[in-house]
C-alpha cells in the first residue's frame, strides 16, 4: 500500500486530479463580513461530499490564493461582498486561474465531471 501511494505521489508530483485530491476545495472569504456566507458554502460542500477547507485568517486574499496554489488545491472559491450579494462565487482552478463568477449549481456540475477516476 505504501509503495502504491509513493508511486501515485511521484506520478502526479503532488498535483492530484480533483477526484483523488485530499483537499478538493478551499473557501476563501475576503473579509470578516463574508465569514457567514463562506461558512454556509462550506456546509453545502460538506453535505455534497466534497473535501473542503475554509481559510478564515485575516490575511489578504491574494496571499490566501497564493498559498492555495502552492498547496496544489484544485479549486479555490473566493467570497467577497459582490458574491454575497449575488449568491454566486468567484472560482479559481489550480494551474488555470480565474474561471469567473459561477452559481453553486454550475460549480457542482464542473465538480461532478471531475469527481470520477480518469477525469482530467
Protein backbone atom coordinates (compact mmCIF):
# COMPACT_ATOMS: atom_id res chain seq x y z
CA UNK A 1 0.00 0.00 0.00
CA UNK A 2 2.80 2.44 0.88
CA UNK A 3 4.52 1.72 -2.40
CA UNK A 4 1.32 2.42 -4.33
CA UNK A 5 0.92 5.81 -2.66
CA UNK A 6 4.56 6.73 -3.24
CA UNK A 7 4.19 5.90 -6.95
CA UNK A 8 0.96 7.91 -7.11
CA UNK A 9 2.54 10.93 -5.39
CA UNK A 10 5.59 10.74 -7.64
CA UNK A 11 3.48 10.39 -10.79
CA UNK A 12 1.33 13.43 -10.02
CA UNK A 13 4.13 15.38 -8.26
CA UNK A 14 1.58 16.17 -5.54
CA UNK A 15 -0.69 17.82 -8.11
CA UNK A 16 -3.52 15.31 -7.80
CA UNK A 17 -6.60 15.30 -10.03
CA UNK A 18 -9.80 16.52 -8.38
CA UNK A 19 -11.22 13.06 -7.64
CA UNK A 20 -8.24 11.94 -5.54
CA UNK A 21 -7.01 15.24 -4.04
CA UNK A 22 -7.04 15.14 -0.23
CA UNK A 23 -8.45 18.69 -0.23
CA UNK A 24 -10.59 19.46 -3.26
CA UNK A 25 -11.79 22.98 -2.48
CA UNK A 26 -10.50 25.92 -0.45
CA UNK A 27 -13.09 28.54 0.57
CA UNK A 28 -11.50 31.99 0.88
CA UNK A 29 -13.56 34.84 2.33
CA UNK A 30 -12.14 38.29 1.60
CA UNK A 31 -13.06 39.80 4.96
CA UNK A 32 -14.82 39.09 8.22
CA UNK A 33 -18.14 40.32 6.81
CA UNK A 34 -18.09 37.38 4.39
CA UNK A 35 -17.39 34.71 7.03
CA UNK A 36 -21.07 33.74 7.48
CA UNK A 37 -21.56 33.17 3.72
CA UNK A 38 -18.22 31.33 3.50
CA UNK A 39 -19.26 29.03 6.36
CA UNK A 40 -22.60 28.44 4.63
CA UNK A 41 -20.80 27.46 1.40
CA UNK A 42 -18.50 25.21 3.43
CA UNK A 43 -21.53 23.39 4.89
CA UNK A 44 -23.05 22.96 1.41
CA UNK A 45 -19.78 21.49 0.11
CA UNK A 46 -19.52 19.18 3.11
CA UNK A 47 -23.10 17.94 2.70
CA UNK A 48 -22.43 17.33 -1.00
CA UNK A 49 -19.47 15.13 -0.02
CA UNK A 50 -16.61 17.31 -1.21
CA UNK A 51 -13.40 17.58 0.79
CA UNK A 52 -13.10 21.28 1.56
CA UNK A 53 -11.39 23.63 3.98
CA UNK A 54 -12.01 27.26 4.84
CA UNK A 55 -9.38 29.93 5.47
CA UNK A 56 -10.79 32.44 7.98
CA UNK A 57 -7.46 34.14 8.68
CA UNK A 58 -7.26 37.92 8.35
CA UNK A 59 -4.62 37.66 5.60
CA UNK A 60 -5.05 39.46 2.29
CA UNK A 61 -6.97 37.41 -0.26
CA UNK A 62 -4.04 37.43 -2.71
CA UNK A 63 -1.90 35.74 -0.06
CA UNK A 64 -4.62 33.14 0.59
CA UNK A 65 -4.89 32.43 -3.15
CA UNK A 66 -1.12 32.09 -3.48
CA UNK A 67 -0.99 29.65 -0.57
CA UNK A 68 -3.86 27.63 -2.04
CA UNK A 69 -1.98 27.43 -5.36
CA UNK A 70 1.21 26.44 -3.56
CA UNK A 71 -0.66 23.64 -1.75
CA UNK A 72 -1.97 22.50 -5.17
CA UNK A 73 -5.61 22.56 -4.06
CA UNK A 74 -7.66 22.01 -7.25
CA UNK A 75 -10.24 24.78 -6.67
CA UNK A 76 -10.44 27.98 -4.64
CA UNK A 77 -13.74 29.71 -4.01
CA UNK A 78 -13.38 33.40 -3.24
CA UNK A 79 -16.24 35.03 -1.33
CA UNK A 80 -16.40 38.83 -1.34
CA UNK A 81 -19.22 41.30 -0.84
CA UNK A 82 -20.20 41.11 -4.52
CA UNK A 83 -20.53 37.31 -4.24
CA UNK A 84 -22.55 37.58 -1.04
CA UNK A 85 -25.00 39.95 -2.75
CA UNK A 86 -25.27 37.94 -5.99
CA UNK A 87 -25.32 34.48 -4.39
CA UNK A 88 -22.54 33.36 -6.77
CA UNK A 89 -18.92 32.55 -6.02
CA UNK A 90 -15.67 33.58 -7.72
CA UNK A 91 -13.82 30.42 -8.75
CA UNK A 92 -10.14 29.76 -9.42
CA UNK A 93 -8.79 26.46 -10.67
CA UNK A 94 -5.25 25.40 -9.84
CA UNK A 95 -2.97 25.91 -12.81
CA UNK A 96 -5.69 27.53 -14.92
CA UNK A 97 -6.54 30.66 -12.93
CA UNK A 98 -9.79 32.59 -12.72
CA UNK A 99 -12.92 30.85 -14.02
CA UNK A 100 -15.15 33.82 -13.21
CA UNK A 101 -18.31 34.08 -11.17
CA UNK A 102 -20.42 30.92 -11.04
CA UNK A 103 -23.50 29.78 -9.20
CA UNK A 104 -23.02 26.83 -6.86
CA UNK A 105 -25.12 24.70 -9.23
CA UNK A 106 -22.77 25.50 -12.13
CA UNK A 107 -19.76 24.79 -9.94
CA UNK A 108 -21.16 21.45 -8.80
CA UNK A 109 -21.67 20.43 -12.44
CA UNK A 110 -17.97 21.06 -13.02
CA UNK A 111 -17.11 19.10 -9.87
CA UNK A 112 -19.33 16.16 -10.91
CA UNK A 113 -17.48 15.90 -14.20
CA UNK A 114 -14.11 15.91 -12.45
CA UNK A 115 -15.01 13.71 -9.47
CA UNK A 116 -14.57 10.40 -11.29
CA UNK A 117 -11.37 8.39 -11.77
CA UNK A 118 -9.79 9.13 -15.13
CA UNK A 119 -11.23 12.65 -15.38
CA UNK A 120 -8.76 15.38 -16.22
